[in-house]
Amino acid sequence: MLELRTLAAGDEALLESFLAAHRDTSMFLRSNARQAGLVYRGQRLGATYVAGFARGQLVGVAAHAWNGLILLQAPLETAAVVQACVDASGRPVAGLTGPLEQVQAAREALGLTGAPANLEEDEILFVLDAQRLVLPEPRACGAVSCRPPLPSERDTLCAWRVAYEIECLGRQDSEELRARAREWIDAQIEEAVIWVAVLEGRPVSLSAFNAALPDIVQLGGVYTPPELRGRGYAKAVVAHSVHTGRARGATRAVLFTSNPSAMRTYEAVGFRRAGDYGLVLFA
């Protein structure tokens, strides 16, 4: 018998214990719950969390986030948990993300198998034990330096974020996208989870944490302008990001990608393939 219920304030420790057992593929769920809580009020990072319980044990959770994405960590009873989550939120589904098999099962359960999508990615999960980080030789990336961005570089990074979403996430350029990019970059700057590689005083590549927890960080939004690619800049700033996370106490880093060039960059600094991950963004 499966019990389904919406999580509420007071369920934080229960959720964290379950998600920590699946930490490589639960970063958004763990980080968002810590930052925004379990009660949805329309706030950035907020979500409606619905969990499934079997014999009193939490066996799966789905969260319908503020941006319309369904975040999944429901290895058991995926269909029932995701349907209950959408019923509880009452909001449109903009996409699905989580372990690949769960994304596929949730899409079918919600009747969205044939729904048009701007992006359908079967991505590779990469993991890195932080002590195994390989720092590139300076000469291998043109002797760039890495640091947090300066206030004067904000507009450049916002433009890069727009370009990243168009290229990597299939978005269409719009004022809404530009506003969302500004919000995203501003939040990363405020939270000190964004870095740039710098050559001759100007940024040439960007890396950030999409989510950061005391024990583990998730890289995302890595971007180098097309005309600057192939010179090792991304490798340098990715390594710097992981090194900074390690200095803050994180023992592990994860990321997801389907881009062969990006894969080579991540493997060069020590990441290894560890599974599959799914992302669908509906049109």
C-alpha atoms as a PDB file:
ATOM      1  CA  MET A   1       0.000   0.000   0.000  1.00  0.00           C
ATOM      2  CA  LEU A   2       1.431   3.367  -1.063  1.00  0.00           C
ATOM      3  CA  GLU A   3       0.716   6.484   0.962  1.00  0.00           C
ATOM      4  CA  LEU A   4       1.081   9.802  -0.853  1.00  0.00           C
ATOM      5  CA  ARG A   5       1.250  13.165   0.861  1.00  0.00           C
ATOM      6  CA  THR A   6       2.446  16.695   0.343  1.00  0.00           C
ATOM      7  CA  LEU A   7       5.491  17.450   2.464  1.00  0.00           C
ATOM      8  CA  ALA A   8       5.335  20.416   4.822  1.00  0.00           C
ATOM      9  CA  ALA A   9       7.449  22.325   7.309  1.00  0.00           C
ATOM     10  CA  GLY A  10       8.828  19.794   9.771  1.00  0.00           C
ATOM     11  CA  ASP A  11       9.548  17.184   7.083  1.00  0.00           C
ATOM     12  CA  GLU A  12      12.964  18.614   6.198  1.00  0.00           C
ATOM     13  CA  ALA A  13      15.060  16.013   8.024  1.00  0.00           C
ATOM     14  CA  LEU A  14      13.012  13.151   6.601  1.00  0.00           C
ATOM     15  CA  LEU A  15      13.464  14.442   3.053  1.00  0.00           C
ATOM     16  CA  GLU A  16      17.160  15.184   3.504  1.00  0.00           C
ATOM     17  CA  SER A  17      17.852  11.676   4.821  1.00  0.00           C
ATOM     18  CA  PHE A  18      16.199  10.114   1.776  1.00  0.00           C
ATOM     19  CA  LEU A  19      17.817  12.420  -0.774  1.00  0.00           C
ATOM     20  CA  ALA A  20      21.293  12.116   0.768  1.00  0.00           C
ATOM     21  CA  ALA A  21      21.163   8.406  -0.060  1.00  0.00           C
ATOM     22  CA  HIS A  22      20.798   9.422  -3.742  1.00  0.00           C
ATOM     23  CA  ARG A  23      23.010  12.476  -3.568  1.00  0.00           C
ATOM     24  CA  ASP A  24      24.536  12.376  -7.060  1.00  0.00           C
ATOM     25  CA  THR A  25      21.131  12.827  -8.714  1.00  0.00           C
ATOM     26  CA  SER A  26      19.321  14.839  -6.023  1.00  0.00           C
ATOM     27  CA  MET A  27      21.253  18.098  -6.008  1.00  0.00           C
ATOM     28  CA  PHE A  28      18.452  20.401  -7.131  1.00  0.00           C
ATOM     29  CA  LEU A  29      15.987  18.816  -4.729  1.00  0.00           C
ATOM     30  CA  ARG A  30      18.335  19.033  -1.747  1.00  0.00           C
ATOM     31  CA  SER A  31      19.605  22.531  -2.482  1.00  0.00           C
ATOM     32  CA  ASN A  32      16.217  24.037  -3.322  1.00  0.00           C
ATOM     33  CA  ALA A  33      14.575  22.555  -0.242  1.00  0.00           C
ATOM     34  CA  ARG A  34      17.312  24.000   1.969  1.00  0.00           C
ATOM     35  CA  GLN A  35      17.107  27.451   0.443  1.00  0.00           C
ATOM     36  CA  ALA A  36      13.360  27.859  -0.104  1.00  0.00           C
ATOM     37  CA  GLY A  37      11.780  25.428   2.346  1.00  0.00           C
ATOM     38  CA  LEU A  38       9.045  22.890   1.645  1.00  0.00           C
ATOM     39  CA  VAL A  39       6.068  25.258   1.469  1.00  0.00           C
ATOM     40  CA  TYR A  40       5.477  26.717  -1.978  1.00  0.00           C
ATOM     41  CA  ARG A  41       4.653  30.430  -2.076  1.00  0.00           C
ATOM     42  CA  GLY A  42       5.689  31.189  -5.651  1.00  0.00           C
ATOM     43  CA  GLN A  43       9.240  32.069  -4.575  1.00  0.00           C
ATOM     44  CA  ARG A  44      12.402  31.398  -6.582  1.00  0.00           C
ATOM     45  CA  LEU A  45      13.586  27.829  -5.878  1.00  0.00           C
ATOM     46  CA  GLY A  46      10.279  27.043  -4.187  1.00  0.00           C
ATOM     47  CA  ALA A  47       8.321  23.892  -5.037  1.00  0.00           C
ATOM     48  CA  THR A  48       5.415  21.665  -4.083  1.00  0.00           C
ATOM     49  CA  TYR A  49       6.936  18.446  -2.708  1.00  0.00           C
ATOM     50  CA  VAL A  50       4.964  15.198  -2.761  1.00  0.00           C
ATOM     51  CA  ALA A  51       6.397  11.988  -1.334  1.00  0.00           C
ATOM     52  CA  GLY A  52       5.401   8.348  -1.511  1.00  0.00           C
ATOM     53  CA  PHE A  53       5.644   6.117   1.550  1.00  0.00           C
ATOM     54  CA  ALA A  54       5.610   2.311   1.647  1.00  0.00           C
ATOM     55  CA  ARG A  55       5.282   0.700   5.083  1.00  0.00           C
ATOM     56  CA  GLY A  56       6.134   4.041   6.614  1.00  0.00           C
ATOM     57  CA  GLN A  57       9.347   4.477   4.623  1.00  0.00           C
ATOM     58  CA  LEU A  58       9.840   7.285   2.120  1.00  0.00           C
ATOM     59  CA  VAL A  59      10.438   5.631  -1.268  1.00  0.00           C
ATOM     60  CA  GLY A  60      10.127   8.518  -3.730  1.00  0.00           C
ATOM     61  CA  VAL A  61       9.613  12.248  -4.074  1.00  0.00           C
ATOM     62  CA  ALA A  62       8.691  14.666  -6.842  1.00  0.00           C
ATOM     63  CA  ALA A  63       8.820  18.452  -6.606  1.00  0.00           C
ATOM     64  CA  HIS A  64       6.961  20.814  -8.937  1.00  0.00           C
ATOM     65  CA  ALA A  65       9.264  23.826  -8.930  1.00  0.00           C
ATOM     66  CA  TRP A  66       8.568  27.524  -9.309  1.00  0.00           C
ATOM     67  CA  ASN A  67       9.747  27.435 -12.937  1.00  0.00           C
ATOM     68  CA  GLY A  68       7.393  24.600 -13.914  1.00  0.00           C
ATOM     69  CA  LEU A  69      10.009  21.841 -13.859  1.00  0.00           C
ATOM     70  CA  ILE A  70       9.255  18.547 -12.140  1.00  0.00           C
ATOM     71  CA  LEU A  71      12.312  17.390 -10.158  1.00  0.00           C
ATOM     72  CA  LEU A  72      12.389  13.642  -9.602  1.00  0.00           C
ATOM     73  CA  GLN A  73      13.926  11.247  -7.128  1.00  0.00           C
ATOM     74  CA  ALA A  74      11.365   8.467  -7.167  1.00  0.00           C
ATOM     75  CA  PRO A  75      13.073   5.149  -7.931  1.00  0.00           C
ATOM     76  CA  LEU A  76       9.937   3.353  -6.727  1.00  0.00           C
ATOM     77  CA  GLU A  77       6.340   4.222  -7.650  1.00  0.00           C
ATOM     78  CA  THR A  78       7.484   6.964 -10.050  1.00  0.00           C
ATOM     79  CA  ALA A  79       4.168   7.250 -11.893  1.00  0.00           C
ATOM     80  CA  ALA A  80       2.034   7.524  -8.765  1.00  0.00           C
ATOM     81  CA  VAL A  81       4.334  10.022  -7.073  1.00  0.00           C
ATOM     82  CA  VAL A  82       4.650  12.369 -10.057  1.00  0.00           C
ATOM     83  CA  GLN A  83       0.919  12.320 -10.779  1.00  0.00           C
ATOM     84  CA  ALA A  84       0.146  13.148  -7.148  1.00  0.00           C
ATOM     85  CA  CYS A  85       2.660  15.999  -7.278  1.00  0.00           C
ATOM     86  CA  VAL A  86       1.066  17.581 -10.352  1.00  0.00           C
ATOM     87  CA  ASP A  87      -2.387  17.135  -8.833  1.00  0.00           C
ATOM     88  CA  ALA A  88      -1.245  18.834  -5.634  1.00  0.00           C
ATOM     89  CA  SER A  89       0.425  21.784  -7.373  1.00  0.00           C
ATOM     90  CA  GLY A  90      -2.301  22.408  -9.927  1.00  0.00           C
ATOM     91  CA  ARG A  91       0.214  24.131 -12.200  1.00  0.00           C
ATOM     92  CA  PRO A  92       1.358  23.428 -15.783  1.00  0.00           C
ATOM     93  CA  VAL A  93       4.372  21.181 -16.315  1.00  0.00           C
ATOM     94  CA  ALA A  94       7.200  22.956 -18.148  1.00  0.00           C
ATOM     95  CA  GLY A  95       9.643  20.046 -18.067  1.00  0.00           C
ATOM     96  CA  LEU A  96      11.034  17.026 -16.272  1.00  0.00           C
ATOM     97  CA  THR A  97      14.474  16.323 -14.872  1.00  0.00           C
ATOM     98  CA  GLY A  98      16.013  13.509 -12.874  1.00  0.00           C
ATOM     99  CA  PRO A  99      17.396  10.003 -13.408  1.00  0.00           C
ATOM    100  CA  LEU A 100      16.682   9.053 -17.011  1.00  0.00           C
ATOM    101  CA  GLU A 101      14.386   6.073 -16.365  1.00  0.00           C
ATOM    102  CA  GLN A 102      12.326   8.157 -13.960  1.00  0.00           C
ATOM    103  CA  VAL A 103      11.956  11.005 -16.452  1.00  0.00           C
ATOM    104  CA  GLN A 104      10.743   8.559 -19.078  1.00  0.00           C
ATOM    105  CA  ALA A 105       8.291   6.920 -16.674  1.00  0.00           C
ATOM    106  CA  ALA A 106       6.987  10.272 -15.428  1.00  0.00           C
ATOM    107  CA  ARG A 107       6.475  11.590 -18.949  1.00  0.00           C
ATOM    108  CA  GLU A 108       4.417   8.539 -19.833  1.00  0.00           C
ATOM    109  CA  ALA A 109       2.411   8.701 -16.603  1.00  0.00           C
ATOM    110  CA  LEU A 110       1.497  12.343 -17.238  1.00  0.00           C
ATOM    111  CA  GLY A 111       0.444  11.652 -20.821  1.00  0.00           C
ATOM    112  CA  LEU A 112       3.235  13.840 -22.196  1.00  0.00           C
ATOM    113  CA  THR A 113       5.082  11.276 -24.298  1.00  0.00           C
ATOM    114  CA  GLY A 114       3.996  12.961 -27.514  1.00  0.00           C
ATOM    115  CA  ALA A 115       4.098  16.532 -26.229  1.00  0.00           C
ATOM    116  CA  PRO A 116       6.396  18.800 -28.290  1.00  0.00           C
ATOM    117  CA  ALA A 117       9.633  19.728 -26.573  1.00  0.00           C
ATOM    118  CA  ASN A 118      12.296  22.344 -27.147  1.00  0.00           C
ATOM    119  CA  LEU A 119      14.850  20.046 -25.554  1.00  0.00           C
ATOM    120  CA  GLU A 120      15.004  16.298 -24.936  1.00  0.00           C
ATOM    121  CA  GLU A 121      18.369  15.288 -23.529  1.00  0.00           C
ATOM    122  CA  ASP A 122      19.622  11.890 -22.439  1.00  0.00           C
ATOM    123  CA  GLU A 123      22.652  13.107 -20.542  1.00  0.00           C
ATOM    124  CA  ILE A 124      25.637  11.431 -18.913  1.00  0.00           C
ATOM    125  CA  LEU A 125      26.127  11.830 -15.173  1.00  0.00           C
ATOM    126  CA  PHE A 126      29.746  12.709 -14.351  1.00  0.00           C
ATOM    127  CA  VAL A 127      31.129  12.505 -10.816  1.00  0.00           C
ATOM    128  CA  LEU A 128      34.406  13.534  -9.227  1.00  0.00           C
ATOM    129  CA  ASP A 129      35.791  12.791  -5.787  1.00  0.00           C
ATOM    130  CA  ALA A 130      37.233  16.195  -4.980  1.00  0.00           C
ATOM    131  CA  GLN A 131      40.620  14.896  -3.853  1.00  0.00           C
ATOM    132  CA  ARG A 132      41.094  13.450  -7.359  1.00  0.00           C
ATOM    133  CA  LEU A 133      40.751  16.809  -9.084  1.00  0.00           C
ATOM    134  CA  VAL A 134      43.383  17.306 -11.798  1.00  0.00           C
ATOM    135  CA  LEU A 135      44.505  20.938 -11.966  1.00  0.00           C
ATOM    136  CA  PRO A 136      45.583  21.812 -15.519  1.00  0.00           C
ATOM    137  CA  GLU A 137      49.032  23.179 -16.174  1.00  0.00           C
ATOM    138  CA  PRO A 138      48.883  26.957 -16.767  1.00  0.00           C
ATOM    139  CA  ARG A 139      50.502  26.609 -20.173  1.00  0.00           C
ATOM    140  CA  ALA A 140      47.760  24.177 -21.211  1.00  0.00           C
ATOM    141  CA  CYS A 141      45.136  26.940 -21.070  1.00  0.00           C
ATOM    142  CA  GLY A 142      47.081  29.975 -22.139  1.00  0.00           C
ATOM    143  CA  ALA A 143      48.131  31.075 -18.637  1.00  0.00           C
ATOM    144  CA  VAL A 144      44.645  32.327 -17.777  1.00  0.00           C
ATOM    145  CA  SER A 145      43.781  33.204 -14.198  1.00  0.00           C
ATOM    146  CA  CYS A 146      40.472  32.428 -12.493  1.00  0.00           C
ATOM    147  CA  ARG A 147      38.472  34.461  -9.995  1.00  0.00           C
ATOM    148  CA  PRO A 148      34.949  35.600  -9.061  1.00  0.00           C
ATOM    149  CA  PRO A 149      33.497  38.079 -11.569  1.00  0.00           C
ATOM    150  CA  LEU A 150      33.791  41.834 -11.067  1.00  0.00           C
ATOM    151  CA  PRO A 151      30.657  44.011 -10.891  1.00  0.00           C
ATOM    152  CA  SER A 152      31.647  45.554 -14.227  1.00  0.00           C
ATOM    153  CA  GLU A 153      31.482  42.085 -15.848  1.00  0.00           C
ATOM    154  CA  ARG A 154      27.881  41.374 -14.883  1.00  0.00           C
ATOM    155  CA  ASP A 155      26.368  42.421 -18.228  1.00  0.00           C
ATOM    156  CA  THR A 156      28.807  40.196 -20.110  1.00  0.00           C
ATOM    157  CA  LEU A 157      27.885  37.211 -17.960  1.00  0.00           C
ATOM    158  CA  CYS A 158      24.168  37.890 -18.396  1.00  0.00           C
ATOM    159  CA  ALA A 159      24.644  37.907 -22.162  1.00  0.00           C
ATOM    160  CA  TRP A 160      26.591  34.645 -21.899  1.00  0.00           C
ATOM    161  CA  ARG A 161      23.770  33.112 -19.856  1.00  0.00           C
ATOM    162  CA  VAL A 162      21.267  34.044 -22.565  1.00  0.00           C
ATOM    163  CA  ALA A 163      23.540  32.522 -25.203  1.00  0.00           C
ATOM    164  CA  TYR A 164      23.958  29.379 -23.071  1.00  0.00           C
ATOM    165  CA  GLU A 165      20.194  28.896 -22.713  1.00  0.00           C
ATOM    166  CA  ILE A 166      19.635  29.373 -26.431  1.00  0.00           C
ATOM    167  CA  GLU A 167      22.450  27.014 -27.443  1.00  0.00           C
ATOM    168  CA  CYS A 168      22.201  24.368 -24.750  1.00  0.00           C
ATOM    169  CA  LEU A 169      18.578  24.470 -23.581  1.00  0.00           C
ATOM    170  CA  GLY A 170      16.792  25.291 -26.826  1.00  0.00           C
ATOM    171  CA  ARG A 171      15.326  28.576 -25.558  1.00  0.00           C
ATOM    172  CA  GLN A 172      14.134  31.383 -27.807  1.00  0.00           C
ATOM    173  CA  ASP A 173      15.586  34.848 -27.314  1.00  0.00           C
ATOM    174  CA  SER A 174      13.100  37.102 -25.541  1.00  0.00           C
ATOM    175  CA  GLU A 175      12.939  39.785 -22.913  1.00  0.00           C
ATOM    176  CA  GLU A 176      11.627  37.148 -20.507  1.00  0.00           C
ATOM    177  CA  LEU A 177      14.709  35.032 -21.142  1.00  0.00           C
ATOM    178  CA  ARG A 178      16.993  38.027 -20.630  1.00  0.00           C
ATOM    179  CA  ALA A 179      15.263  38.918 -17.367  1.00  0.00           C
ATOM    180  CA  ARG A 180      15.581  35.331 -16.166  1.00  0.00           C
ATOM    181  CA  ALA A 181      19.272  35.323 -17.111  1.00  0.00           C
ATOM    182  CA  ARG A 182      19.871  38.499 -15.100  1.00  0.00           C
ATOM    183  CA  GLU A 183      18.088  36.981 -12.107  1.00  0.00           C
ATOM    184  CA  TRP A 184      20.129  33.779 -12.425  1.00  0.00           C
ATOM    185  CA  ILE A 185      23.506  35.515 -12.682  1.00  0.00           C
ATOM    186  CA  ASP A 186      22.696  37.980  -9.892  1.00  0.00           C
ATOM    187  CA  ALA A 187      21.765  35.109  -7.580  1.00  0.00           C
ATOM    188  CA  GLN A 188      24.973  33.234  -8.375  1.00  0.00           C
ATOM    189  CA  ILE A 189      27.057  36.343  -7.750  1.00  0.00           C
ATOM    190  CA  GLU A 190      25.282  36.988  -4.454  1.00  0.00           C
ATOM    191  CA  GLU A 191      25.760  33.359  -3.375  1.00  0.00           C
ATOM    192  CA  ALA A 192      29.445  33.376  -4.466  1.00  0.00           C
ATOM    193  CA  VAL A 193      29.062  30.314  -6.692  1.00  0.00           C
ATOM    194  CA  ILE A 194      30.288  31.708 -10.016  1.00  0.00           C
ATOM    195  CA  TRP A 195      33.809  32.152 -11.473  1.00  0.00           C
ATOM    196  CA  VAL A 196      35.438  33.361 -14.668  1.00  0.00           C
ATOM    197  CA  ALA A 197      38.657  32.546 -16.457  1.00  0.00           C
ATOM    198  CA  VAL A 198      40.420  35.793 -17.319  1.00  0.00           C
ATOM    199  CA  LEU A 199      42.950  36.501 -20.048  1.00  0.00           C
ATOM    200  CA  GLU A 200      44.549  39.936 -20.387  1.00  0.00           C
ATOM    201  CA  GLY A 201      41.964  41.438 -18.067  1.00  0.00           C
ATOM    202  CA  ARG A 202      38.804  40.134 -19.740  1.00  0.00           C
ATOM    203  CA  PRO A 203      36.617  37.084 -19.027  1.00  0.00           C
ATOM    204  CA  VAL A 204      36.987  34.261 -21.526  1.00  0.00           C
ATOM    205  CA  SER A 205      35.003  31.444 -19.874  1.00  0.00           C
ATOM    206  CA  LEU A 206      32.454  30.891 -17.112  1.00  0.00           C
ATOM    207  CA  SER A 207      31.718  28.145 -14.606  1.00  0.00           C
ATOM    208  CA  ALA A 208      29.245  28.054 -11.731  1.00  0.00           C
ATOM    209  CA  PHE A 209      27.469  25.813  -9.261  1.00  0.00           C
ATOM    210  CA  ASN A 210      23.834  25.170 -10.090  1.00  0.00           C
ATOM    211  CA  ALA A 211      23.536  23.780  -6.597  1.00  0.00           C
ATOM    212  CA  ALA A 212      25.884  23.682  -3.627  1.00  0.00           C
ATOM    213  CA  LEU A 213      25.656  21.733  -0.392  1.00  0.00           C
ATOM    214  CA  PRO A 214      28.189  21.260   2.399  1.00  0.00           C
ATOM    215  CA  ASP A 215      29.193  17.822   1.077  1.00  0.00           C
ATOM    216  CA  ILE A 216      28.695  18.079  -2.684  1.00  0.00           C
ATOM    217  CA  VAL A 217      28.449  20.638  -5.497  1.00  0.00           C
ATOM    218  CA  GLN A 218      26.853  20.488  -8.931  1.00  0.00           C
ATOM    219  CA  LEU A 219      28.429  22.383 -11.816  1.00  0.00           C
ATOM    220  CA  GLY A 220      26.277  23.958 -14.503  1.00  0.00           C
ATOM    221  CA  GLY A 221      26.036  26.817 -16.933  1.00  0.00           C
ATOM    222  CA  VAL A 222      29.633  26.325 -18.084  1.00  0.00           C
ATOM    223  CA  TYR A 223      30.071  28.590 -21.108  1.00  0.00           C
ATOM    224  CA  THR A 224      32.806  29.818 -23.410  1.00  0.00           C
ATOM    225  CA  PRO A 225      31.965  32.102 -26.365  1.00  0.00           C
ATOM    226  CA  PRO A 226      32.303  30.145 -29.633  1.00  0.00           C
ATOM    227  CA  GLU A 227      35.227  32.219 -30.884  1.00  0.00           C
ATOM    228  CA  LEU A 228      37.235  31.389 -27.736  1.00  0.00           C
ATOM    229  CA  ARG A 229      36.652  27.655 -27.594  1.00  0.00           C
ATOM    230  CA  GLY A 230      39.285  24.968 -27.904  1.00  0.00           C
ATOM    231  CA  ARG A 231      41.936  26.829 -25.919  1.00  0.00           C
ATOM    232  CA  GLY A 232      41.518  25.191 -22.500  1.00  0.00           C
ATOM    233  CA  TYR A 233      39.720  28.112 -20.847  1.00  0.00           C
ATOM    234  CA  ALA A 234      36.723  26.023 -19.733  1.00  0.00           C
ATOM    235  CA  LYS A 235      39.052  23.375 -18.334  1.00  0.00           C
ATOM    236  CA  ALA A 236      40.790  26.013 -16.224  1.00  0.00           C
ATOM    237  CA  VAL A 237      37.660  27.594 -14.782  1.00  0.00           C
ATOM    238  CA  VAL A 238      35.925  24.250 -14.157  1.00  0.00           C
ATOM    239  CA  ALA A 239      38.961  23.026 -12.230  1.00  0.00           C
ATOM    240  CA  HIS A 240      39.034  26.301 -10.287  1.00  0.00           C
ATOM    241  CA  SER A 241      35.337  25.904  -9.396  1.00  0.00           C
ATOM    242  CA  VAL A 242      35.832  22.382  -8.059  1.00  0.00           C
ATOM    243  CA  HIS A 243      38.975  23.451  -6.206  1.00  0.00           C
ATOM    244  CA  THR A 244      36.999  26.254  -4.530  1.00  0.00           C
ATOM    245  CA  GLY A 245      34.200  23.858  -3.611  1.00  0.00           C
ATOM    246  CA  ARG A 246      36.768  21.505  -2.097  1.00  0.00           C
ATOM    247  CA  ALA A 247      38.261  24.358  -0.067  1.00  0.00           C
ATOM    248  CA  ARG A 248      34.763  25.055   1.285  1.00  0.00           C
ATOM    249  CA  GLY A 249      34.389  21.450   2.428  1.00  0.00           C
ATOM    250  CA  ALA A 250      32.712  19.640  -0.457  1.00  0.00           C
ATOM    251  CA  THR A 251      34.117  16.154  -1.050  1.00  0.00           C
ATOM    252  CA  ARG A 252      32.338  15.471  -4.340  1.00  0.00           C
ATOM    253  CA  ALA A 253      31.286  17.258  -7.529  1.00  0.00           C
ATOM    254  CA  VAL A 254      28.720  16.201 -10.130  1.00  0.00           C
ATOM    255  CA  LEU A 255      27.439  17.471 -13.465  1.00  0.00           C
ATOM    256  CA  PHE A 256      25.413  16.336 -16.462  1.00  0.00           C
ATOM    257  CA  THR A 257      26.118  16.802 -20.152  1.00  0.00           C
ATOM    258  CA  SER A 258      25.522  15.286 -23.573  1.00  0.00           C
ATOM    259  CA  ASN A 259      28.090  17.470 -25.343  1.00  0.00           C
ATOM    260  CA  PRO A 260      31.146  15.448 -26.505  1.00  0.00           C
ATOM    261  CA  SER A 261      33.493  18.443 -26.322  1.00  0.00           C
ATOM    262  CA  ALA A 262      32.323  19.249 -22.796  1.00  0.00           C
ATOM    263  CA  MET A 263      32.789  15.613 -21.816  1.00  0.00           C
ATOM    264  CA  ARG A 264      36.437  15.774 -22.826  1.00  0.00           C
ATOM    265  CA  THR A 265      36.895  18.928 -20.762  1.00  0.00           C
ATOM    266  CA  TYR A 266      35.385  17.349 -17.652  1.00  0.00           C
ATOM    267  CA  GLU A 267      37.269  14.089 -18.022  1.00  0.00           C
ATOM    268  CA  ALA A 268      40.522  16.047 -18.351  1.00  0.00           C
ATOM    269  CA  VAL A 269      40.115  17.422 -14.819  1.00  0.00           C
ATOM    270  CA  GLY A 270      39.157  14.070 -13.311  1.00  0.00           C
ATOM    271  CA  PHE A 271      35.403  13.565 -13.786  1.00  0.00           C
ATOM    272  CA  ARG A 272      34.250  10.050 -14.648  1.00  0.00           C
ATOM    273  CA  ARG A 273      31.014   8.730 -16.115  1.00  0.00           C
ATOM    274  CA  ALA A 274      28.646   7.239 -13.566  1.00  0.00           C
ATOM    275  CA  GLY A 275      25.145   6.958 -15.015  1.00  0.00           C
ATOM    276  CA  ASP A 276      22.367   8.550 -17.035  1.00  0.00           C
ATOM    277  CA  TYR A 277      20.247  11.623 -16.455  1.00  0.00           C
ATOM    278  CA  GLY A 278      17.239  13.037 -18.264  1.00  0.00           C
ATOM    279  CA  LEU A 279      16.054  16.546 -19.076  1.00  0.00           C
ATOM    280  CA  VAL A 280      12.943  17.470 -21.055  1.00  0.00           C
ATOM    281  CA  LEU A 281      11.806  21.054 -21.612  1.00  0.00           C
ATOM    282  CA  PHE A 282       8.400  21.250 -23.241  1.00  0.00           C
ATOM    283  CA  ALA A 283       7.584  23.758 -25.963  1.00  0.00           C
END
